[in-house]
Amino acid sequence: MGLFPYFCTMILYNTTYQMPITDARNFVVWVHEIMFPRVRDFGFLKNGRLSRILSHKEEDSECFALQFEVESTARLHYWFVKQGKALGEELNNTFEGRVLGFSTMMEVITES
């Protein structure tokens, strides 16, 4: 249990990606055509959303935040072992290491 066990409504899984501008369009297509359908079919992660990050913009790169909701850290771990790791490897192979990312797991406390 987290610090606020009575208020937690879900886990938000965010991965922030940075890539050369030349790969940005293909990355968005890959997420929509490959990642979203596979994640949706697996059924553990919900409400996928891809956002372009506007702050901290560098001249020759683009950044995106990819977010999903999941009901527990256990389900997120299971998804990562069964599907997430392979999707990350496929992304890395597709873009030959030019897309870099880091993930953050957040506990949603309140919603409006």
PDB file of N, CA and C in Angstrom:
ATOM      1  N   MET A   1       0.838  -1.182   0.000  1.00  0.00           N
ATOM      2  CA  MET A   1       0.000   0.000   0.000  1.00  0.00           C
ATOM      3  C   MET A   1       0.881   1.243   0.000  1.00  0.00           C
ATOM      4  N   GLY A   2       0.427   2.241  -0.708  1.00  0.00           N
ATOM      5  CA  GLY A   2       1.148   3.493  -0.774  1.00  0.00           C
ATOM      6  C   GLY A   2       0.844   4.368   0.430  1.00  0.00           C
ATOM      7  N   LEU A   3       1.302   5.566   0.384  1.00  0.00           N
ATOM      8  CA  LEU A   3       1.126   6.536   1.459  1.00  0.00           C
ATOM      9  C   LEU A   3      -0.350   6.880   1.664  1.00  0.00           C
ATOM     10  N   PHE A   4      -1.126   6.862   0.611  1.00  0.00           N
ATOM     11  CA  PHE A   4      -2.537   7.232   0.667  1.00  0.00           C
ATOM     12  C   PHE A   4      -3.413   6.074   0.187  1.00  0.00           C
ATOM     13  N   PRO A   5      -3.455   4.939   0.888  1.00  0.00           N
ATOM     14  CA  PRO A   5      -4.134   3.749   0.372  1.00  0.00           C
ATOM     15  C   PRO A   5      -5.624   3.937   0.139  1.00  0.00           C
ATOM     16  N   TYR A   6      -6.260   4.831   0.859  1.00  0.00           N
ATOM     17  CA  TYR A   6      -7.702   4.998   0.712  1.00  0.00           C
ATOM     18  C   TYR A   6      -8.073   5.870  -0.472  1.00  0.00           C
ATOM     19  N   PHE A   7      -7.112   6.589  -1.011  1.00  0.00           N
ATOM     20  CA  PHE A   7      -7.388   7.509  -2.097  1.00  0.00           C
ATOM     21  C   PHE A   7      -6.929   7.003  -3.459  1.00  0.00           C
ATOM     22  N   CYS A   8      -6.069   5.992  -3.495  1.00  0.00           N
ATOM     23  CA  CYS A   8      -5.519   5.513  -4.756  1.00  0.00           C
ATOM     24  C   CYS A   8      -6.622   4.933  -5.633  1.00  0.00           C
ATOM     25  N   THR A   9      -6.748   5.475  -6.825  1.00  0.00           N
ATOM     26  CA  THR A   9      -7.753   4.988  -7.755  1.00  0.00           C
ATOM     27  C   THR A   9      -7.153   4.121  -8.846  1.00  0.00           C
ATOM     28  N   MET A  10      -5.869   4.288  -9.124  1.00  0.00           N
ATOM     29  CA  MET A  10      -5.215   3.501 -10.168  1.00  0.00           C
ATOM     30  C   MET A  10      -3.731   3.832 -10.217  1.00  0.00           C
ATOM     31  N   ILE A  11      -3.027   3.091 -11.064  1.00  0.00           N
ATOM     32  CA  ILE A  11      -1.616   3.350 -11.350  1.00  0.00           C
ATOM     33  C   ILE A  11      -1.537   3.962 -12.748  1.00  0.00           C
ATOM     34  N   LEU A  12      -0.760   5.011 -12.886  1.00  0.00           N
ATOM     35  CA  LEU A  12      -0.508   5.629 -14.184  1.00  0.00           C
ATOM     36  C   LEU A  12       0.912   5.261 -14.584  1.00  0.00           C
ATOM     37  N   TYR A  13       1.037   4.610 -15.742  1.00  0.00           N
ATOM     38  CA  TYR A  13       2.339   4.176 -16.242  1.00  0.00           C
ATOM     39  C   TYR A  13       2.713   5.090 -17.397  1.00  0.00           C
ATOM     40  N   ASN A  14       3.765   5.860 -17.215  1.00  0.00           N
ATOM     41  CA  ASN A  14       4.198   6.856 -18.196  1.00  0.00           C
ATOM     42  C   ASN A  14       5.586   6.500 -18.710  1.00  0.00           C
ATOM     43  N   THR A  15       5.757   6.536 -20.017  1.00  0.00           N
ATOM     44  CA  THR A  15       7.092   6.413 -20.596  1.00  0.00           C
ATOM     45  C   THR A  15       7.340   7.659 -21.432  1.00  0.00           C
ATOM     46  N   THR A  16       8.430   8.334 -21.147  1.00  0.00           N
ATOM     47  CA  THR A  16       8.833   9.525 -21.882  1.00  0.00           C
ATOM     48  C   THR A  16       9.894   9.113 -22.893  1.00  0.00           C
ATOM     49  N   TYR A  17       9.667   9.477 -24.138  1.00  0.00           N
ATOM     50  CA  TYR A  17      10.577   9.110 -25.228  1.00  0.00           C
ATOM     51  C   TYR A  17      11.186  10.362 -25.840  1.00  0.00           C
ATOM     52  N   GLN A  18      12.451  10.269 -26.228  1.00  0.00           N
ATOM     53  CA  GLN A  18      13.126  11.319 -26.979  1.00  0.00           C
ATOM     54  C   GLN A  18      13.738  10.689 -28.213  1.00  0.00           C
ATOM     55  N   MET A  19      13.649  11.421 -29.331  1.00  0.00           N
ATOM     56  CA  MET A  19      14.152  10.898 -30.600  1.00  0.00           C
ATOM     57  C   MET A  19      14.519  12.041 -31.536  1.00  0.00           C
ATOM     58  N   PRO A  20      15.298  11.758 -32.581  1.00  0.00           N
ATOM     59  CA  PRO A  20      15.547  12.774 -33.602  1.00  0.00           C
ATOM     60  C   PRO A  20      14.231  13.164 -34.275  1.00  0.00           C
ATOM     61  N   ILE A  21      14.131  14.407 -34.675  1.00  0.00           N
ATOM     62  CA  ILE A  21      12.920  14.896 -35.344  1.00  0.00           C
ATOM     63  C   ILE A  21      12.581  14.024 -36.555  1.00  0.00           C
ATOM     64  N   THR A  22      13.588  13.529 -37.237  1.00  0.00           N
ATOM     65  CA  THR A  22      13.358  12.720 -38.437  1.00  0.00           C
ATOM     66  C   THR A  22      12.635  11.406 -38.141  1.00  0.00           C
ATOM     67  N   ASP A  23      12.646  10.950 -36.891  1.00  0.00           N
ATOM     68  CA  ASP A  23      11.968   9.706 -36.516  1.00  0.00           C
ATOM     69  C   ASP A  23      10.599   9.933 -35.880  1.00  0.00           C
ATOM     70  N   ALA A  24      10.261  11.170 -35.584  1.00  0.00           N
ATOM     71  CA  ALA A  24       9.050  11.457 -34.813  1.00  0.00           C
ATOM     72  C   ALA A  24       7.779  10.961 -35.497  1.00  0.00           C
ATOM     73  N   ARG A  25       7.612  11.244 -36.764  1.00  0.00           N
ATOM     74  CA  ARG A  25       6.390  10.826 -37.466  1.00  0.00           C
ATOM     75  C   ARG A  25       6.260   9.307 -37.486  1.00  0.00           C
ATOM     76  N   ASN A  26       7.344   8.615 -37.791  1.00  0.00           N
ATOM     77  CA  ASN A  26       7.302   7.151 -37.813  1.00  0.00           C
ATOM     78  C   ASN A  26       7.055   6.566 -36.419  1.00  0.00           C
ATOM     79  N   PHE A  27       7.555   7.236 -35.387  1.00  0.00           N
ATOM     80  CA  PHE A  27       7.300   6.790 -34.023  1.00  0.00           C
ATOM     81  C   PHE A  27       5.800   6.879 -33.707  1.00  0.00           C
ATOM     82  N   VAL A  28       5.184   7.977 -34.050  1.00  0.00           N
ATOM     83  CA  VAL A  28       3.742   8.144 -33.807  1.00  0.00           C
ATOM     84  C   VAL A  28       2.957   7.072 -34.562  1.00  0.00           C
ATOM     85  N   VAL A  29       3.314   6.803 -35.791  1.00  0.00           N
ATOM     86  CA  VAL A  29       2.650   5.763 -36.570  1.00  0.00           C
ATOM     87  C   VAL A  29       2.853   4.406 -35.908  1.00  0.00           C
ATOM     88  N   TRP A  30       4.069   4.110 -35.454  1.00  0.00           N
ATOM     89  CA  TRP A  30       4.357   2.835 -34.801  1.00  0.00           C
ATOM     90  C   TRP A  30       3.506   2.657 -33.546  1.00  0.00           C
ATOM     91  N   VAL A  31       3.416   3.705 -32.747  1.00  0.00           N
ATOM     92  CA  VAL A  31       2.600   3.618 -31.529  1.00  0.00           C
ATOM     93  C   VAL A  31       1.148   3.328 -31.876  1.00  0.00           C
ATOM     94  N   HIS A  32       0.596   4.056 -32.864  1.00  0.00           N
ATOM     95  CA  HIS A  32      -0.816   3.879 -33.210  1.00  0.00           C
ATOM     96  C   HIS A  32      -1.112   2.569 -33.923  1.00  0.00           C
ATOM     97  N   GLU A  33      -0.214   2.121 -34.775  1.00  0.00           N
ATOM     98  CA  GLU A  33      -0.483   0.910 -35.565  1.00  0.00           C
ATOM     99  C   GLU A  33       0.018  -0.387 -34.925  1.00  0.00           C
ATOM    100  N   ILE A  34       1.034  -0.307 -34.090  1.00  0.00           N
ATOM    101  CA  ILE A  34       1.618  -1.507 -33.493  1.00  0.00           C
ATOM    102  C   ILE A  34       1.324  -1.578 -31.987  1.00  0.00           C
ATOM    103  N   MET A  35       1.770  -0.576 -31.278  1.00  0.00           N
ATOM    104  CA  MET A  35       1.700  -0.662 -29.815  1.00  0.00           C
ATOM    105  C   MET A  35       0.275  -0.597 -29.277  1.00  0.00           C
ATOM    106  N   PHE A  36      -0.495   0.406 -29.650  1.00  0.00           N
ATOM    107  CA  PHE A  36      -1.846   0.535 -29.106  1.00  0.00           C
ATOM    108  C   PHE A  36      -2.701  -0.706 -29.357  1.00  0.00           C
ATOM    109  N   PRO A  37      -2.733  -1.243 -30.575  1.00  0.00           N
ATOM    110  CA  PRO A  37      -3.559  -2.445 -30.780  1.00  0.00           C
ATOM    111  C   PRO A  37      -3.100  -3.647 -29.945  1.00  0.00           C
ATOM    112  N   ARG A  38      -1.807  -3.855 -29.843  1.00  0.00           N
ATOM    113  CA  ARG A  38      -1.310  -5.006 -29.069  1.00  0.00           C
ATOM    114  C   ARG A  38      -1.612  -4.846 -27.577  1.00  0.00           C
ATOM    115  N   VAL A  39      -1.388  -3.648 -27.059  1.00  0.00           N
ATOM    116  CA  VAL A  39      -1.673  -3.399 -25.648  1.00  0.00           C
ATOM    117  C   VAL A  39      -3.170  -3.536 -25.379  1.00  0.00           C
ATOM    118  N   ARG A  40      -3.981  -3.002 -26.263  1.00  0.00           N
ATOM    119  CA  ARG A  40      -5.440  -3.100 -26.118  1.00  0.00           C
ATOM    120  C   ARG A  40      -5.886  -4.564 -26.134  1.00  0.00           C
ATOM    121  N   ASP A  41      -5.327  -5.361 -27.047  1.00  0.00           N
ATOM    122  CA  ASP A  41      -5.691  -6.776 -27.137  1.00  0.00           C
ATOM    123  C   ASP A  41      -5.277  -7.562 -25.891  1.00  0.00           C
ATOM    124  N   PHE A  42      -4.160  -7.204 -25.286  1.00  0.00           N
ATOM    125  CA  PHE A  42      -3.700  -7.893 -24.072  1.00  0.00           C
ATOM    126  C   PHE A  42      -4.664  -7.642 -22.921  1.00  0.00           C
ATOM    127  N   GLY A  43      -5.173  -6.412 -22.830  1.00  0.00           N
ATOM    128  CA  GLY A  43      -6.249  -6.116 -21.904  1.00  0.00           C
ATOM    129  C   GLY A  43      -5.897  -5.617 -20.516  1.00  0.00           C
ATOM    130  N   PHE A  44      -4.644  -5.515 -20.150  1.00  0.00           N
ATOM    131  CA  PHE A  44      -4.293  -5.081 -18.799  1.00  0.00           C
ATOM    132  C   PHE A  44      -4.179  -3.565 -18.675  1.00  0.00           C
ATOM    133  N   LEU A  45      -3.621  -2.923 -19.687  1.00  0.00           N
ATOM    134  CA  LEU A  45      -3.446  -1.476 -19.659  1.00  0.00           C
ATOM    135  C   LEU A  45      -4.624  -0.818 -20.381  1.00  0.00           C
ATOM    136  N   LYS A  46      -5.081   0.291 -19.829  1.00  0.00           N
ATOM    137  CA  LYS A  46      -6.270   0.965 -20.363  1.00  0.00           C
ATOM    138  C   LYS A  46      -5.957   2.416 -20.697  1.00  0.00           C
ATOM    139  N   ASN A  47      -6.821   2.998 -21.508  1.00  0.00           N
ATOM    140  CA  ASN A  47      -6.800   4.442 -21.798  1.00  0.00           C
ATOM    141  C   ASN A  47      -5.431   4.945 -22.243  1.00  0.00           C
ATOM    142  N   GLY A  48      -4.861   4.285 -23.243  1.00  0.00           N
ATOM    143  CA  GLY A  48      -3.576   4.707 -23.783  1.00  0.00           C
ATOM    144  C   GLY A  48      -3.669   6.097 -24.379  1.00  0.00           C
ATOM    145  N   ARG A  49      -2.628   6.873 -24.140  1.00  0.00           N
ATOM    146  CA  ARG A  49      -2.599   8.243 -24.644  1.00  0.00           C
ATOM    147  C   ARG A  49      -1.169   8.613 -25.003  1.00  0.00           C
ATOM    148  N   LEU A  50      -0.981   9.184 -26.172  1.00  0.00           N
ATOM    149  CA  LEU A  50       0.327   9.676 -26.606  1.00  0.00           C
ATOM    150  C   LEU A  50       0.249  11.187 -26.695  1.00  0.00           C
ATOM    151  N   SER A  51       1.175  11.862 -26.019  1.00  0.00           N
ATOM    152  CA  SER A  51       1.214  13.327 -26.013  1.00  0.00           C
ATOM    153  C   SER A  51       2.591  13.798 -26.439  1.00  0.00           C
ATOM    154  N   ARG A  52       2.611  14.889 -27.181  1.00  0.00           N
ATOM    155  CA  ARG A  52       3.898  15.501 -27.533  1.00  0.00           C
ATOM    156  C   ARG A  52       4.277  16.467 -26.419  1.00  0.00           C
ATOM    157  N   ILE A  53       5.497  16.390 -25.962  1.00  0.00           N
ATOM    158  CA  ILE A  53       5.981  17.256 -24.887  1.00  0.00           C
ATOM    159  C   ILE A  53       6.458  18.565 -25.491  1.00  0.00           C
ATOM    160  N   LEU A  54       5.910  19.661 -25.003  1.00  0.00           N
ATOM    161  CA  LEU A  54       6.237  20.973 -25.541  1.00  0.00           C
ATOM    162  C   LEU A  54       7.329  21.693 -24.748  1.00  0.00           C
ATOM    163  N   SER A  55       7.450  21.374 -23.477  1.00  0.00           N
ATOM    164  CA  SER A  55       8.476  22.025 -22.663  1.00  0.00           C
ATOM    165  C   SER A  55       9.825  21.341 -22.879  1.00  0.00           C
ATOM    166  N   HIS A  56      10.871  22.053 -22.601  1.00  0.00           N
ATOM    167  CA  HIS A  56      12.240  21.533 -22.719  1.00  0.00           C
ATOM    168  C   HIS A  56      12.545  21.043 -24.133  1.00  0.00           C
ATOM    169  N   LYS A  57      12.030  21.727 -25.113  1.00  0.00           N
ATOM    170  CA  LYS A  57      12.224  21.338 -26.507  1.00  0.00           C
ATOM    171  C   LYS A  57      13.647  21.638 -26.953  1.00  0.00           C
ATOM    172  N   GLU A  58      14.259  20.639 -27.571  1.00  0.00           N
ATOM    173  CA  GLU A  58      15.573  20.824 -28.171  1.00  0.00           C
ATOM    174  C   GLU A  58      15.403  20.978 -29.672  1.00  0.00           C
ATOM    175  N   GLU A  59      16.319  21.645 -30.287  1.00  0.00           N
ATOM    176  CA  GLU A  59      16.209  22.005 -31.701  1.00  0.00           C
ATOM    177  C   GLU A  59      16.095  20.808 -32.641  1.00  0.00           C
ATOM    178  N   ASP A  60      16.835  19.744 -32.366  1.00  0.00           N
ATOM    179  CA  ASP A  60      16.897  18.639 -33.321  1.00  0.00           C
ATOM    180  C   ASP A  60      16.223  17.358 -32.831  1.00  0.00           C
ATOM    181  N   SER A  61      15.412  17.458 -31.768  1.00  0.00           N
ATOM    182  CA  SER A  61      14.758  16.259 -31.255  1.00  0.00           C
ATOM    183  C   SER A  61      13.296  16.540 -30.922  1.00  0.00           C
ATOM    184  N   GLU A  62      12.582  15.459 -30.722  1.00  0.00           N
ATOM    185  CA  GLU A  62      11.158  15.520 -30.368  1.00  0.00           C
ATOM    186  C   GLU A  62      10.965  14.617 -29.162  1.00  0.00           C
ATOM    187  N   CYS A  63      10.060  14.989 -28.268  1.00  0.00           N
ATOM    188  CA  CYS A  63       9.770  14.182 -27.082  1.00  0.00           C
ATOM    189  C   CYS A  63       8.277  13.897 -26.988  1.00  0.00           C
ATOM    190  N   PHE A  64       7.953  12.691 -26.534  1.00  0.00           N
ATOM    191  CA  PHE A  64       6.569  12.264 -26.368  1.00  0.00           C
ATOM    192  C   PHE A  64       6.412  11.584 -25.017  1.00  0.00           C
ATOM    193  N   ALA A  65       5.205  11.660 -24.476  1.00  0.00           N
ATOM    194  CA  ALA A  65       4.848  10.920 -23.270  1.00  0.00           C
ATOM    195  C   ALA A  65       3.764   9.921 -23.655  1.00  0.00           C
ATOM    196  N   LEU A  66       3.994   8.664 -23.346  1.00  0.00           N
ATOM    197  CA  LEU A  66       3.038   7.598 -23.618  1.00  0.00           C
ATOM    198  C   LEU A  66       2.521   7.121 -22.267  1.00  0.00           C
ATOM    199  N   GLN A  67       1.196   7.217 -22.071  1.00  0.00           N
ATOM    200  CA  GLN A  67       0.615   6.895 -20.770  1.00  0.00           C
ATOM    201  C   GLN A  67      -0.481   5.851 -20.882  1.00  0.00           C
ATOM    202  N   PHE A  68      -0.527   5.000 -19.863  1.00  0.00           N
ATOM    203  CA  PHE A  68      -1.581   4.000 -19.722  1.00  0.00           C
ATOM    204  C   PHE A  68      -2.016   3.967 -18.269  1.00  0.00           C
ATOM    205  N   GLU A  69      -3.246   3.547 -18.049  1.00  0.00           N
ATOM    206  CA  GLU A  69      -3.746   3.310 -16.706  1.00  0.00           C
ATOM    207  C   GLU A  69      -3.792   1.806 -16.475  1.00  0.00           C
ATOM    208  N   VAL A  70      -3.491   1.402 -15.241  1.00  0.00           N
ATOM    209  CA  VAL A  70      -3.538  -0.010 -14.869  1.00  0.00           C
ATOM    210  C   VAL A  70      -3.985  -0.079 -13.413  1.00  0.00           C
ATOM    211  N   GLU A  71      -4.699  -1.129 -13.068  1.00  0.00           N
ATOM    212  CA  GLU A  71      -5.311  -1.173 -11.738  1.00  0.00           C
ATOM    213  C   GLU A  71      -4.354  -1.462 -10.592  1.00  0.00           C
ATOM    214  N   SER A  72      -3.193  -2.073 -10.868  1.00  0.00           N
ATOM    215  CA  SER A  72      -2.269  -2.379  -9.768  1.00  0.00           C
ATOM    216  C   SER A  72      -0.846  -2.547 -10.304  1.00  0.00           C
ATOM    217  N   THR A  73       0.106  -2.438  -9.389  1.00  0.00           N
ATOM    218  CA  THR A  73       1.500  -2.652  -9.774  1.00  0.00           C
ATOM    219  C   THR A  73       1.735  -4.108 -10.146  1.00  0.00           C
ATOM    220  N   ALA A  74       0.992  -5.015  -9.536  1.00  0.00           N
ATOM    221  CA  ALA A  74       1.137  -6.441  -9.876  1.00  0.00           C
ATOM    222  C   ALA A  74       0.718  -6.697 -11.319  1.00  0.00           C
ATOM    223  N   ARG A  75      -0.405  -6.111 -11.736  1.00  0.00           N
ATOM    224  CA  ARG A  75      -0.851  -6.279 -13.128  1.00  0.00           C
ATOM    225  C   ARG A  75       0.129  -5.617 -14.102  1.00  0.00           C
ATOM    226  N   LEU A  76       0.681  -4.479 -13.710  1.00  0.00           N
ATOM    227  CA  LEU A  76       1.672  -3.809 -14.561  1.00  0.00           C
ATOM    228  C   LEU A  76       2.908  -4.677 -14.705  1.00  0.00           C
ATOM    229  N   HIS A  77       3.373  -5.244 -13.617  1.00  0.00           N
ATOM    230  CA  HIS A  77       4.537  -6.127 -13.683  1.00  0.00           C
ATOM    231  C   HIS A  77       4.257  -7.334 -14.576  1.00  0.00           C
ATOM    232  N   TYR A  78       3.096  -7.950 -14.418  1.00  0.00           N
ATOM    233  CA  TYR A  78       2.730  -9.099 -15.249  1.00  0.00           C
ATOM    234  C   TYR A  78       2.713  -8.705 -16.727  1.00  0.00           C
ATOM    235  N   TRP A  79       2.100  -7.549 -17.049  1.00  0.00           N
ATOM    236  CA  TRP A  79       2.063  -7.080 -18.432  1.00  0.00           C
ATOM    237  C   TRP A  79       3.478  -6.862 -18.961  1.00  0.00           C
ATOM    238  N   PHE A  80       4.338  -6.239 -18.150  1.00  0.00           N
ATOM    239  CA  PHE A  80       5.691  -5.952 -18.609  1.00  0.00           C
ATOM    240  C   PHE A  80       6.444  -7.235 -18.929  1.00  0.00           C
ATOM    241  N   VAL A  81       6.322  -8.224 -18.070  1.00  0.00           N
ATOM    242  CA  VAL A  81       7.010  -9.504 -18.293  1.00  0.00           C
ATOM    243  C   VAL A  81       6.469 -10.210 -19.531  1.00  0.00           C
ATOM    244  N   LYS A  82       5.148 -10.218 -19.698  1.00  0.00           N
ATOM    245  CA  LYS A  82       4.516 -10.954 -20.788  1.00  0.00           C
ATOM    246  C   LYS A  82       4.495 -10.209 -22.121  1.00  0.00           C
ATOM    247  N   GLN A  83       4.474  -8.863 -22.090  1.00  0.00           N
ATOM    248  CA  GLN A  83       4.353  -8.132 -23.344  1.00  0.00           C
ATOM    249  C   GLN A  83       5.243  -6.894 -23.427  1.00  0.00           C
ATOM    250  N   GLY A  84       5.327  -6.138 -22.362  1.00  0.00           N
ATOM    251  CA  GLY A  84       6.019  -4.846 -22.397  1.00  0.00           C
ATOM    252  C   GLY A  84       7.479  -4.915 -22.788  1.00  0.00           C
ATOM    253  N   LYS A  85       8.184  -5.874 -22.228  1.00  0.00           N
ATOM    254  CA  LYS A  85       9.608  -6.005 -22.540  1.00  0.00           C
ATOM    255  C   LYS A  85       9.819  -6.279 -24.029  1.00  0.00           C
ATOM    256  N   ALA A  86       9.008  -7.168 -24.599  1.00  0.00           N
ATOM    257  CA  ALA A  86       9.128  -7.489 -26.027  1.00  0.00           C
ATOM    258  C   ALA A  86       8.779  -6.284 -26.900  1.00  0.00           C
ATOM    259  N   LEU A  87       7.763  -5.518 -26.504  1.00  0.00           N
ATOM    260  CA  LEU A  87       7.419  -4.313 -27.274  1.00  0.00           C
ATOM    261  C   LEU A  87       8.568  -3.306 -27.237  1.00  0.00           C
ATOM    262  N   GLY A  88       9.201  -3.168 -26.083  1.00  0.00           N
ATOM    263  CA  GLY A  88      10.342  -2.264 -25.980  1.00  0.00           C
ATOM    264  C   GLY A  88      11.495  -2.696 -26.870  1.00  0.00           C
ATOM    265  N   GLU A  89      11.734  -3.999 -26.922  1.00  0.00           N
ATOM    266  CA  GLU A  89      12.790  -4.515 -27.798  1.00  0.00           C
ATOM    267  C   GLU A  89      12.449  -4.299 -29.265  1.00  0.00           C
ATOM    268  N   GLU A  90      11.175  -4.494 -29.613  1.00  0.00           N
ATOM    269  CA  GLU A  90      10.754  -4.268 -30.995  1.00  0.00           C
ATOM    270  C   GLU A  90      10.901  -2.798 -31.377  1.00  0.00           C
ATOM    271  N   LEU A  91      10.532  -1.905 -30.472  1.00  0.00           N
ATOM    272  CA  LEU A  91      10.703  -0.470 -30.720  1.00  0.00           C
ATOM    273  C   LEU A  91      12.180  -0.151 -30.929  1.00  0.00           C
ATOM    274  N   ASN A  92      13.031  -0.676 -30.081  1.00  0.00           N
ATOM    275  CA  ASN A  92      14.460  -0.434 -30.204  1.00  0.00           C
ATOM    276  C   ASN A  92      15.013  -0.956 -31.526  1.00  0.00           C
ATOM    277  N   ASN A  93      14.574  -2.138 -31.933  1.00  0.00           N
ATOM    278  CA  ASN A  93      15.034  -2.707 -33.209  1.00  0.00           C
ATOM    279  C   ASN A  93      14.500  -1.924 -34.398  1.00  0.00           C
ATOM    280  N   THR A  94      13.245  -1.521 -34.327  1.00  0.00           N
ATOM    281  CA  THR A  94      12.632  -0.774 -35.431  1.00  0.00           C
ATOM    282  C   THR A  94      13.358   0.543 -35.674  1.00  0.00           C
ATOM    283  N   PHE A  95      13.700   1.243 -34.591  1.00  0.00           N
ATOM    284  CA  PHE A  95      14.325   2.562 -34.718  1.00  0.00           C
ATOM    285  C   PHE A  95      15.833   2.520 -34.490  1.00  0.00           C
ATOM    286  N   GLU A  96      16.379   1.324 -34.460  1.00  0.00           N
ATOM    287  CA  GLU A  96      17.829   1.107 -34.367  1.00  0.00           C
ATOM    288  C   GLU A  96      18.458   1.917 -33.237  1.00  0.00           C
ATOM    289  N   GLY A  97      17.777   1.943 -32.091  1.00  0.00           N
ATOM    290  CA  GLY A  97      18.323   2.601 -30.910  1.00  0.00           C
ATOM    291  C   GLY A  97      18.230   4.111 -30.888  1.00  0.00           C
ATOM    292  N   ARG A  98      17.585   4.720 -31.867  1.00  0.00           N
ATOM    293  CA  ARG A  98      17.500   6.183 -31.917  1.00  0.00           C
ATOM    294  C   ARG A  98      16.395   6.743 -31.015  1.00  0.00           C
ATOM    295  N   VAL A  99      15.467   5.906 -30.577  1.00  0.00           N
ATOM    296  CA  VAL A  99      14.401   6.334 -29.677  1.00  0.00           C
ATOM    297  C   VAL A  99      14.778   5.888 -28.268  1.00  0.00           C
ATOM    298  N   LEU A 100      14.950   6.856 -27.389  1.00  0.00           N
ATOM    299  CA  LEU A 100      15.330   6.576 -26.015  1.00  0.00           C
ATOM    300  C   LEU A 100      14.151   6.869 -25.103  1.00  0.00           C
ATOM    301  N   GLY A 101      13.977   6.061 -24.077  1.00  0.00           N
ATOM    302  CA  GLY A 101      12.855   6.288 -23.185  1.00  0.00           C
ATOM    303  C   GLY A 101      13.157   5.911 -21.752  1.00  0.00           C
ATOM    304  N   PHE A 102      12.376   6.494 -20.846  1.00  0.00           N
ATOM    305  CA  PHE A 102      12.429   6.085 -19.448  1.00  0.00           C
ATOM    306  C   PHE A 102      11.003   6.073 -18.911  1.00  0.00           C
ATOM    307  N   SER A 103      10.740   5.137 -18.034  1.00  0.00           N
ATOM    308  CA  SER A 103       9.378   4.932 -17.530  1.00  0.00           C
ATOM    309  C   SER A 103       9.247   5.373 -16.086  1.00  0.00           C
ATOM    310  N   THR A 104       8.033   5.829 -15.766  1.00  0.00           N
ATOM    311  CA  THR A 104       7.676   6.253 -14.424  1.00  0.00           C
ATOM    312  C   THR A 104       6.339   5.635 -14.070  1.00  0.00           C
ATOM    313  N   MET A 105       6.246   5.085 -12.883  1.00  0.00           N
ATOM    314  CA  MET A 105       4.998   4.525 -12.390  1.00  0.00           C
ATOM    315  C   MET A 105       4.489   5.483 -11.307  1.00  0.00           C
ATOM    316  N   MET A 106       3.243   5.944 -11.464  1.00  0.00           N
ATOM    317  CA  MET A 106       2.677   6.902 -10.533  1.00  0.00           C
ATOM    318  C   MET A 106       1.383   6.370  -9.949  1.00  0.00           C
ATOM    319  N   GLU A 107       1.155   6.682  -8.691  1.00  0.00           N
ATOM    320  CA  GLU A 107      -0.084   6.297  -8.031  1.00  0.00           C
ATOM    321  C   GLU A 107      -1.036   7.490  -8.107  1.00  0.00           C
ATOM    322  N   VAL A 108      -2.164   7.307  -8.783  1.00  0.00           N
ATOM    323  CA  VAL A 108      -3.151   8.384  -8.885  1.00  0.00           C
ATOM    324  C   VAL A 108      -3.882   8.478  -7.554  1.00  0.00           C
ATOM    325  N   ILE A 109      -3.876   9.652  -6.953  1.00  0.00           N
ATOM    326  CA  ILE A 109      -4.491   9.845  -5.647  1.00  0.00           C
ATOM    327  C   ILE A 109      -5.895  10.415  -5.785  1.00  0.00           C
ATOM    328  N   THR A 110      -6.043  11.437  -6.621  1.00  0.00           N
ATOM    329  CA  THR A 110      -7.362  12.031  -6.833  1.00  0.00           C
ATOM    330  C   THR A 110      -7.537  12.344  -8.298  1.00  0.00           C
ATOM    331  N   GLU A 111      -8.791  12.438  -8.693  1.00  0.00           N
ATOM    332  CA  GLU A 111      -9.150  12.847 -10.049  1.00  0.00           C
ATOM    333  C   GLU A 111     -10.229  13.909  -9.939  1.00  0.00           C
ATOM    334  N   SER A 112     -10.321  14.758 -10.926  1.00  0.00           N
ATOM    335  CA  SER A 112     -11.375  15.767 -10.879  1.00  0.00           C
ATOM    336  C   SER A 112     -12.592  15.309 -11.641  1.00  0.00           C
TER     337      SER A 112
END
